Amino acid sequence: MQAHLVTQDDDMCYVITDEPIKIMKANTSVALTDGAPHRIEKPHDEWTTEDKRKANLDNVANDILYKTLDKNTFNKIKMYKSVKKIWEKLIRLCEGNVQTKKNKLPVAMQKFDNIKMKAVESMNEFDEWVSSIINELNALGKVYLNNEVALKVMRGISKE
C-alpha cells in the first residue's frame, strides 16, 4: 500500500511518515538565525498551484486509504485525521507490537512443522498455502533456507 501511495506523488512519503505538509515561507521581517531564514506559515492567498497540490496530499492519501479498507478496518481508523496517524494505526492492526509478533511466531512455526497436503488440494493451492506460511514466518523474523522448505514440502506432498 505504501508503494501505491508513493507512486501517486513523490512527496506522499512525507505525508505518511511525518504529518500533513505545511506550506511555509521565509519571514523577511526577522533577522537570520545561524544563516537560515526564520520560516512562517504562508497565507492561503499566497499559495501557488504547487503549494495547493502539496497541501492536499494528506486528503489524497486519506481518500486512497479509505477506498481500500474494509468496513471493519475503516471503523477502527476513521477517528484519525492525518494519514500519519491512520498509517501508524494500520501498522499496529496488521503487524501488531513486538509482544504480538513474539506470540505469533510459535503458531506460524507450528504451521510450518505440520505442513501436509490435503487429499482434495491441488498443487497450486498447496503451493499458495505453503508460500503464505513462509511469508508469515519471514515477516515475523524467522527465515528458513530454501532446502529446508523444499524438504518440508516434499514430505508434505500427498502420494496421489
N, C-alpha and C. Protein backbone atom coordinates (compact mmCIF):
# COMPACT_ATOMS: atom_id res chain seq x y z
N MET A 1 0.82 -1.19 0.00
CA MET A 1 0.00 0.00 0.00
C MET A 1 0.87 1.26 0.00
N GLN A 2 1.94 1.22 0.78
CA GLN A 2 2.82 2.39 0.83
C GLN A 2 3.40 2.66 -0.55
N ALA A 3 3.76 1.63 -1.27
CA ALA A 3 4.30 1.80 -2.62
C ALA A 3 3.27 2.45 -3.52
N HIS A 4 2.01 2.04 -3.40
CA HIS A 4 0.95 2.63 -4.22
C HIS A 4 0.78 4.11 -3.90
N LEU A 5 0.79 4.45 -2.63
CA LEU A 5 0.63 5.86 -2.25
C LEU A 5 1.78 6.71 -2.80
N VAL A 6 2.99 6.20 -2.70
CA VAL A 6 4.15 6.97 -3.16
C VAL A 6 4.15 7.12 -4.68
N THR A 7 3.59 6.14 -5.40
CA THR A 7 3.52 6.28 -6.86
C THR A 7 2.56 7.39 -7.27
N GLN A 8 1.66 7.77 -6.39
CA GLN A 8 0.72 8.84 -6.70
C GLN A 8 1.41 10.21 -6.70
N ASP A 9 2.42 10.33 -5.85
CA ASP A 9 3.15 11.59 -5.76
C ASP A 9 4.45 11.35 -5.00
N ASP A 10 5.54 11.96 -5.46
CA ASP A 10 6.84 11.78 -4.81
C ASP A 10 6.85 12.28 -3.36
N ASP A 11 6.04 13.29 -3.07
CA ASP A 11 6.02 13.86 -1.72
C ASP A 11 5.10 13.10 -0.76
N MET A 12 4.42 12.07 -1.25
CA MET A 12 3.46 11.34 -0.42
C MET A 12 4.15 10.67 0.77
N CYS A 13 5.40 10.27 0.62
CA CYS A 13 6.10 9.61 1.74
C CYS A 13 6.22 10.54 2.94
N TYR A 14 6.33 11.85 2.70
CA TYR A 14 6.42 12.79 3.81
C TYR A 14 5.10 12.86 4.58
N VAL A 15 3.99 12.74 3.87
CA VAL A 15 2.68 12.79 4.50
C VAL A 15 2.47 11.54 5.36
N ILE A 16 2.98 10.40 4.89
CA ILE A 16 2.81 9.14 5.62
C ILE A 16 3.70 9.10 6.86
N THR A 17 4.95 9.53 6.73
CA THR A 17 5.90 9.41 7.83
C THR A 17 5.93 10.62 8.76
N ASP A 18 5.55 11.78 8.26
CA ASP A 18 5.56 12.98 9.09
C ASP A 18 4.12 13.38 9.42
N GLU A 19 3.71 14.46 8.93
CA GLU A 19 2.36 14.98 9.12
C GLU A 19 1.97 15.66 7.82
N PRO A 20 0.76 16.21 7.73
CA PRO A 20 0.43 16.96 6.52
C PRO A 20 1.48 18.04 6.26
N ILE A 21 1.78 18.25 4.99
CA ILE A 21 2.79 19.24 4.62
C ILE A 21 2.26 20.64 4.90
N LYS A 22 3.02 21.41 5.65
CA LYS A 22 2.67 22.80 5.92
C LYS A 22 3.39 23.66 4.89
N ILE A 23 2.66 24.58 4.33
CA ILE A 23 3.24 25.48 3.33
C ILE A 23 3.85 26.66 4.07
N MET A 24 5.16 26.79 3.93
CA MET A 24 5.90 27.80 4.69
C MET A 24 6.59 28.79 3.74
N LYS A 25 6.96 29.92 4.29
CA LYS A 25 7.76 30.90 3.55
C LYS A 25 8.74 31.55 4.51
N ALA A 26 9.75 32.16 3.93
CA ALA A 26 10.75 32.86 4.74
C ALA A 26 10.13 34.13 5.32
N ASN A 27 10.41 34.38 6.60
CA ASN A 27 9.93 35.59 7.25
C ASN A 27 11.02 36.64 7.12
N THR A 28 10.83 37.58 6.25
CA THR A 28 11.86 38.58 5.98
C THR A 28 11.93 39.67 7.05
N SER A 29 10.94 39.71 7.94
CA SER A 29 10.95 40.75 8.97
C SER A 29 11.80 40.36 10.18
N VAL A 30 12.26 39.10 10.23
CA VAL A 30 13.08 38.62 11.34
C VAL A 30 14.49 38.39 10.82
N ALA A 31 15.47 38.76 11.63
CA ALA A 31 16.87 38.58 11.25
C ALA A 31 17.20 37.10 11.10
N LEU A 32 18.17 36.82 10.24
CA LEU A 32 18.61 35.45 10.02
C LEU A 32 19.21 34.87 11.29
N THR A 33 18.88 33.60 11.55
CA THR A 33 19.44 32.89 12.69
C THR A 33 20.37 31.82 12.16
N ASP A 34 21.64 31.91 12.48
CA ASP A 34 22.63 30.93 12.01
C ASP A 34 22.62 30.80 10.49
N GLY A 35 22.36 31.86 9.79
CA GLY A 35 22.38 31.84 8.33
C GLY A 35 21.11 31.31 7.69
N ALA A 36 20.19 30.79 8.49
CA ALA A 36 18.94 30.25 7.94
C ALA A 36 17.80 31.22 8.24
N PRO A 37 16.96 31.46 7.25
CA PRO A 37 15.85 32.39 7.49
C PRO A 37 14.80 31.77 8.43
N HIS A 38 14.17 32.61 9.21
CA HIS A 38 13.06 32.17 10.06
C HIS A 38 11.87 31.90 9.14
N ARG A 39 11.16 30.79 9.36
CA ARG A 39 10.07 30.42 8.47
C ARG A 39 8.73 30.54 9.19
N ILE A 40 7.74 31.01 8.45
CA ILE A 40 6.38 31.12 8.97
C ILE A 40 5.43 30.47 7.97
N GLU A 41 4.23 30.17 8.44
CA GLU A 41 3.24 29.57 7.56
C GLU A 41 2.79 30.60 6.52
N LYS A 42 2.72 30.15 5.28
CA LYS A 42 2.36 31.01 4.16
C LYS A 42 0.83 31.19 4.13
N PRO A 43 0.34 32.41 4.03
CA PRO A 43 -1.12 32.64 3.94
C PRO A 43 -1.71 31.98 2.69
N HIS A 44 -2.95 31.50 2.80
CA HIS A 44 -3.60 30.80 1.68
C HIS A 44 -3.66 31.64 0.41
N ASP A 45 -3.84 32.93 0.55
CA ASP A 45 -3.96 33.77 -0.65
C ASP A 45 -2.63 33.91 -1.41
N GLU A 46 -1.53 33.47 -0.81
CA GLU A 46 -0.23 33.50 -1.48
C GLU A 46 0.18 32.14 -2.05
N TRP A 47 -0.64 31.13 -1.86
CA TRP A 47 -0.29 29.78 -2.31
C TRP A 47 -0.25 29.70 -3.83
N THR A 48 0.76 29.01 -4.31
CA THR A 48 0.86 28.72 -5.74
C THR A 48 0.10 27.41 -6.02
N THR A 49 0.00 27.06 -7.27
CA THR A 49 -0.64 25.78 -7.63
C THR A 49 0.11 24.62 -7.00
N GLU A 50 1.43 24.68 -7.00
CA GLU A 50 2.26 23.63 -6.39
C GLU A 50 2.02 23.56 -4.89
N ASP A 51 1.89 24.70 -4.22
CA ASP A 51 1.61 24.73 -2.78
C ASP A 51 0.27 24.04 -2.49
N LYS A 52 -0.73 24.33 -3.30
CA LYS A 52 -2.06 23.72 -3.13
C LYS A 52 -2.00 22.21 -3.31
N ARG A 53 -1.23 21.76 -4.30
CA ARG A 53 -1.08 20.33 -4.56
C ARG A 53 -0.46 19.64 -3.35
N LYS A 54 0.61 20.24 -2.82
CA LYS A 54 1.30 19.64 -1.67
C LYS A 54 0.41 19.65 -0.42
N ALA A 55 -0.32 20.73 -0.21
CA ALA A 55 -1.18 20.83 0.96
C ALA A 55 -2.33 19.81 0.90
N ASN A 56 -2.69 19.41 -0.30
CA ASN A 56 -3.81 18.47 -0.48
C ASN A 56 -3.39 17.00 -0.42
N LEU A 57 -2.10 16.71 -0.34
CA LEU A 57 -1.63 15.32 -0.36
C LEU A 57 -2.20 14.48 0.77
N ASP A 58 -2.39 15.06 1.94
CA ASP A 58 -2.97 14.31 3.05
C ASP A 58 -4.39 13.86 2.70
N ASN A 59 -5.15 14.73 2.06
CA ASN A 59 -6.51 14.38 1.64
C ASN A 59 -6.49 13.29 0.57
N VAL A 60 -5.56 13.38 -0.36
CA VAL A 60 -5.45 12.38 -1.42
C VAL A 60 -5.12 11.02 -0.80
N ALA A 61 -4.17 10.98 0.10
CA ALA A 61 -3.79 9.72 0.76
C ALA A 61 -4.95 9.17 1.59
N ASN A 62 -5.65 10.04 2.31
CA ASN A 62 -6.83 9.61 3.06
C ASN A 62 -7.84 8.95 2.14
N ASP A 63 -8.11 9.58 1.03
CA ASP A 63 -9.08 9.06 0.07
C ASP A 63 -8.67 7.67 -0.43
N ILE A 64 -7.40 7.50 -0.76
CA ILE A 64 -6.92 6.20 -1.25
C ILE A 64 -7.07 5.14 -0.17
N LEU A 65 -6.67 5.47 1.05
CA LEU A 65 -6.78 4.50 2.15
C LEU A 65 -8.23 4.15 2.44
N TYR A 66 -9.09 5.16 2.53
CA TYR A 66 -10.49 4.91 2.84
C TYR A 66 -11.14 3.99 1.81
N LYS A 67 -10.78 4.16 0.54
CA LYS A 67 -11.37 3.35 -0.52
C LYS A 67 -10.88 1.91 -0.52
N THR A 68 -9.74 1.66 0.09
CA THR A 68 -9.17 0.31 0.04
C THR A 68 -9.46 -0.52 1.29
N LEU A 69 -9.93 0.12 2.35
CA LEU A 69 -10.15 -0.60 3.60
C LEU A 69 -11.55 -1.20 3.68
N ASP A 70 -11.65 -2.37 4.29
CA ASP A 70 -12.96 -2.96 4.54
C ASP A 70 -13.64 -2.18 5.66
N LYS A 71 -14.94 -2.39 5.85
CA LYS A 71 -15.70 -1.61 6.84
C LYS A 71 -15.18 -1.79 8.26
N ASN A 72 -14.80 -3.00 8.60
CA ASN A 72 -14.30 -3.28 9.94
C ASN A 72 -13.03 -2.48 10.23
N THR A 73 -12.08 -2.52 9.30
CA THR A 73 -10.82 -1.79 9.49
C THR A 73 -11.07 -0.28 9.44
N PHE A 74 -11.94 0.14 8.52
CA PHE A 74 -12.26 1.57 8.41
C PHE A 74 -12.81 2.10 9.74
N ASN A 75 -13.68 1.33 10.39
CA ASN A 75 -14.25 1.77 11.67
C ASN A 75 -13.19 1.93 12.75
N LYS A 76 -12.07 1.22 12.62
CA LYS A 76 -11.00 1.31 13.60
C LYS A 76 -10.09 2.52 13.38
N ILE A 77 -10.13 3.10 12.18
CA ILE A 77 -9.21 4.23 11.89
C ILE A 77 -9.94 5.53 11.57
N LYS A 78 -11.26 5.51 11.46
CA LYS A 78 -11.98 6.68 10.99
C LYS A 78 -11.86 7.90 11.89
N MET A 79 -11.50 7.72 13.15
CA MET A 79 -11.39 8.86 14.06
C MET A 79 -10.08 9.64 13.89
N TYR A 80 -9.13 9.06 13.17
CA TYR A 80 -7.85 9.74 12.96
C TYR A 80 -7.96 10.69 11.77
N LYS A 81 -7.38 11.85 11.90
CA LYS A 81 -7.49 12.87 10.86
C LYS A 81 -6.32 12.85 9.88
N SER A 82 -5.12 12.63 10.35
CA SER A 82 -3.96 12.68 9.46
C SER A 82 -3.61 11.28 8.97
N VAL A 83 -3.04 11.22 7.78
CA VAL A 83 -2.62 9.95 7.21
C VAL A 83 -1.55 9.30 8.08
N LYS A 84 -0.69 10.10 8.69
CA LYS A 84 0.35 9.55 9.55
C LYS A 84 -0.27 8.75 10.68
N LYS A 85 -1.29 9.30 11.34
CA LYS A 85 -1.96 8.60 12.45
C LYS A 85 -2.68 7.35 11.94
N ILE A 86 -3.33 7.45 10.78
CA ILE A 86 -4.01 6.30 10.19
C ILE A 86 -2.99 5.22 9.87
N TRP A 87 -1.88 5.62 9.27
CA TRP A 87 -0.84 4.65 8.88
C TRP A 87 -0.28 3.92 10.10
N GLU A 88 -0.02 4.67 11.16
CA GLU A 88 0.51 4.06 12.39
C GLU A 88 -0.50 3.06 12.98
N LYS A 89 -1.77 3.41 12.97
CA LYS A 89 -2.81 2.51 13.48
C LYS A 89 -2.91 1.26 12.60
N LEU A 90 -2.84 1.42 11.29
CA LEU A 90 -2.89 0.26 10.39
C LEU A 90 -1.72 -0.68 10.63
N ILE A 91 -0.54 -0.12 10.87
CA ILE A 91 0.63 -0.96 11.16
C ILE A 91 0.39 -1.75 12.44
N ARG A 92 -0.13 -1.08 13.48
CA ARG A 92 -0.42 -1.78 14.74
C ARG A 92 -1.48 -2.87 14.54
N LEU A 93 -2.49 -2.58 13.74
CA LEU A 93 -3.55 -3.55 13.49
C LEU A 93 -3.05 -4.75 12.69
N CYS A 94 -2.26 -4.48 11.66
CA CYS A 94 -1.83 -5.55 10.75
C CYS A 94 -0.62 -6.31 11.25
N GLU A 95 0.33 -5.62 11.82
CA GLU A 95 1.57 -6.27 12.22
C GLU A 95 1.62 -6.55 13.72
N GLY A 96 0.94 -5.75 14.50
CA GLY A 96 0.98 -5.92 15.95
C GLY A 96 2.25 -5.33 16.53
N ASN A 97 2.32 -5.33 17.84
CA ASN A 97 3.52 -4.83 18.50
C ASN A 97 4.52 -5.97 18.67
N VAL A 98 5.61 -5.72 19.33
CA VAL A 98 6.68 -6.72 19.49
C VAL A 98 6.17 -7.96 20.22
N GLN A 99 5.37 -7.76 21.26
CA GLN A 99 4.84 -8.90 22.02
C GLN A 99 3.90 -9.75 21.15
N THR A 100 3.08 -9.10 20.34
CA THR A 100 2.17 -9.83 19.45
C THR A 100 2.97 -10.67 18.47
N LYS A 101 4.03 -10.09 17.91
CA LYS A 101 4.86 -10.84 16.97
C LYS A 101 5.51 -12.05 17.65
N LYS A 102 5.96 -11.86 18.89
CA LYS A 102 6.55 -12.98 19.64
C LYS A 102 5.53 -14.09 19.84
N ASN A 103 4.28 -13.71 20.07
CA ASN A 103 3.22 -14.70 20.28
C ASN A 103 2.83 -15.39 18.98
N LYS A 104 2.91 -14.69 17.86
CA LYS A 104 2.54 -15.26 16.57
C LYS A 104 3.59 -16.23 16.03
N LEU A 105 4.84 -16.02 16.38
CA LEU A 105 5.92 -16.83 15.82
C LEU A 105 5.77 -18.32 16.12
N PRO A 106 5.53 -18.74 17.37
CA PRO A 106 5.38 -20.19 17.62
C PRO A 106 4.22 -20.81 16.84
N VAL A 107 3.14 -20.06 16.68
CA VAL A 107 1.98 -20.56 15.93
C VAL A 107 2.36 -20.77 14.47
N ALA A 108 3.06 -19.80 13.89
CA ALA A 108 3.48 -19.91 12.49
C ALA A 108 4.49 -21.05 12.32
N MET A 109 5.39 -21.20 13.28
CA MET A 109 6.37 -22.29 13.20
C MET A 109 5.67 -23.65 13.29
N GLN A 110 4.62 -23.73 14.09
CA GLN A 110 3.85 -24.97 14.21
C GLN A 110 3.17 -25.28 12.87
N LYS A 111 2.64 -24.25 12.21
CA LYS A 111 2.04 -24.46 10.88
C LYS A 111 3.08 -25.03 9.92
N PHE A 112 4.28 -24.46 9.96
CA PHE A 112 5.35 -24.93 9.08
C PHE A 112 5.70 -26.39 9.39
N ASP A 113 5.81 -26.71 10.67
CA ASP A 113 6.18 -28.07 11.07
C ASP A 113 5.12 -29.10 10.66
N ASN A 114 3.87 -28.67 10.59
CA ASN A 114 2.77 -29.59 10.29
C ASN A 114 2.27 -29.50 8.85
N ILE A 115 3.11 -29.04 7.94
CA ILE A 115 2.70 -28.92 6.55
C ILE A 115 2.38 -30.30 5.99
N LYS A 116 1.15 -30.46 5.55
CA LYS A 116 0.70 -31.68 4.89
C LYS A 116 -0.32 -31.28 3.83
N MET A 117 -0.17 -31.83 2.66
CA MET A 117 -1.10 -31.56 1.58
C MET A 117 -2.39 -32.35 1.82
N LYS A 118 -3.53 -31.68 1.67
CA LYS A 118 -4.82 -32.35 1.83
C LYS A 118 -5.14 -33.13 0.57
N ALA A 119 -5.90 -34.20 0.72
CA ALA A 119 -6.23 -35.06 -0.42
C ALA A 119 -7.00 -34.32 -1.51
N VAL A 120 -7.82 -33.36 -1.14
CA VAL A 120 -8.64 -32.63 -2.11
C VAL A 120 -7.95 -31.37 -2.63
N GLU A 121 -6.71 -31.15 -2.23
CA GLU A 121 -5.99 -29.93 -2.55
C GLU A 121 -5.17 -30.11 -3.83
N SER A 122 -5.20 -29.08 -4.70
CA SER A 122 -4.36 -29.12 -5.90
C SER A 122 -2.95 -28.67 -5.55
N MET A 123 -2.01 -28.92 -6.43
CA MET A 123 -0.63 -28.49 -6.20
C MET A 123 -0.55 -26.96 -6.09
N ASN A 124 -1.32 -26.25 -6.92
CA ASN A 124 -1.32 -24.78 -6.85
C ASN A 124 -1.83 -24.29 -5.50
N GLU A 125 -2.91 -24.88 -5.01
CA GLU A 125 -3.45 -24.48 -3.71
C GLU A 125 -2.44 -24.78 -2.59
N PHE A 126 -1.82 -25.93 -2.66
CA PHE A 126 -0.82 -26.32 -1.66
C PHE A 126 0.36 -25.35 -1.70
N ASP A 127 0.82 -25.02 -2.90
CA ASP A 127 1.94 -24.10 -3.07
C ASP A 127 1.60 -22.72 -2.50
N GLU A 128 0.40 -22.23 -2.78
CA GLU A 128 -0.02 -20.93 -2.25
C GLU A 128 -0.07 -20.95 -0.73
N TRP A 129 -0.57 -22.04 -0.16
CA TRP A 129 -0.67 -22.16 1.29
C TRP A 129 0.72 -22.18 1.93
N VAL A 130 1.63 -22.96 1.35
CA VAL A 130 3.00 -23.03 1.87
C VAL A 130 3.66 -21.66 1.75
N SER A 131 3.47 -21.00 0.61
CA SER A 131 4.06 -19.67 0.42
C SER A 131 3.54 -18.68 1.45
N SER A 132 2.26 -18.76 1.77
CA SER A 132 1.71 -17.83 2.76
C SER A 132 2.32 -18.09 4.15
N ILE A 133 2.57 -19.35 4.48
CA ILE A 133 3.20 -19.67 5.76
C ILE A 133 4.64 -19.15 5.79
N ILE A 134 5.37 -19.35 4.70
CA ILE A 134 6.76 -18.88 4.62
C ILE A 134 6.80 -17.35 4.71
N ASN A 135 5.89 -16.67 4.02
CA ASN A 135 5.84 -15.20 4.08
C ASN A 135 5.51 -14.72 5.50
N GLU A 136 4.60 -15.40 6.15
CA GLU A 136 4.25 -15.05 7.52
C GLU A 136 5.47 -15.21 8.43
N LEU A 137 6.18 -16.31 8.28
CA LEU A 137 7.39 -16.54 9.09
C LEU A 137 8.46 -15.48 8.80
N ASN A 138 8.66 -15.15 7.54
CA ASN A 138 9.63 -14.11 7.18
C ASN A 138 9.27 -12.77 7.82
N ALA A 139 7.98 -12.42 7.79
CA ALA A 139 7.52 -11.16 8.38
C ALA A 139 7.75 -11.14 9.89
N LEU A 140 7.73 -12.33 10.50
CA LEU A 140 7.94 -12.42 11.95
C LEU A 140 9.42 -12.59 12.31
N GLY A 141 10.29 -12.61 11.29
CA GLY A 141 11.73 -12.66 11.54
C GLY A 141 12.33 -14.05 11.49
N LYS A 142 11.56 -15.07 11.16
CA LYS A 142 12.07 -16.44 11.08
C LYS A 142 12.26 -16.78 9.61
N VAL A 143 13.49 -17.04 9.22
CA VAL A 143 13.81 -17.34 7.83
C VAL A 143 14.34 -18.76 7.73
N TYR A 144 13.71 -19.55 6.87
CA TYR A 144 14.17 -20.91 6.61
C TYR A 144 14.95 -20.92 5.30
N LEU A 145 15.97 -21.77 5.23
CA LEU A 145 16.73 -21.93 4.00
C LEU A 145 15.86 -22.63 2.96
N ASN A 146 16.16 -22.39 1.69
CA ASN A 146 15.36 -22.99 0.61
C ASN A 146 15.34 -24.52 0.69
N ASN A 147 16.48 -25.12 1.05
CA ASN A 147 16.49 -26.58 1.11
C ASN A 147 15.63 -27.10 2.27
N GLU A 148 15.53 -26.35 3.37
CA GLU A 148 14.65 -26.74 4.47
C GLU A 148 13.18 -26.72 4.03
N VAL A 149 12.83 -25.67 3.30
CA VAL A 149 11.46 -25.54 2.81
C VAL A 149 11.17 -26.64 1.80
N ALA A 150 12.11 -26.88 0.89
CA ALA A 150 11.91 -27.92 -0.13
C ALA A 150 11.71 -29.29 0.50
N LEU A 151 12.52 -29.63 1.50
CA LEU A 151 12.36 -30.91 2.20
C LEU A 151 11.00 -31.01 2.89
N LYS A 152 10.61 -29.95 3.55
CA LYS A 152 9.32 -29.94 4.24
C LYS A 152 8.18 -30.11 3.24
N VAL A 153 8.25 -29.44 2.12
CA VAL A 153 7.22 -29.54 1.09
C VAL A 153 7.17 -30.94 0.50
N MET A 154 8.34 -31.49 0.19
CA MET A 154 8.40 -32.84 -0.39
C MET A 154 7.79 -33.87 0.56
N ARG A 155 8.05 -33.70 1.85
CA ARG A 155 7.48 -34.64 2.84
C ARG A 155 5.98 -34.43 3.02
N GLY A 156 5.53 -33.22 2.73
CA GLY A 156 4.11 -32.89 2.95
C GLY A 156 3.22 -33.18 1.75
N ILE A 157 3.81 -33.45 0.59
CA ILE A 157 3.00 -33.71 -0.61
C ILE A 157 2.34 -35.09 -0.48
N SER A 158 1.06 -35.14 -0.85
CA SER A 158 0.36 -36.42 -0.77
C SER A 158 0.84 -37.36 -1.88
N LYS A 159 0.72 -38.63 -1.65
CA LYS A 159 1.21 -39.63 -2.60
C LYS A 159 0.41 -39.63 -3.90
N GLU A 160 -0.84 -39.20 -3.82
CA GLU A 160 -1.65 -39.16 -5.02
C GLU A 160 -1.09 -38.18 -6.01
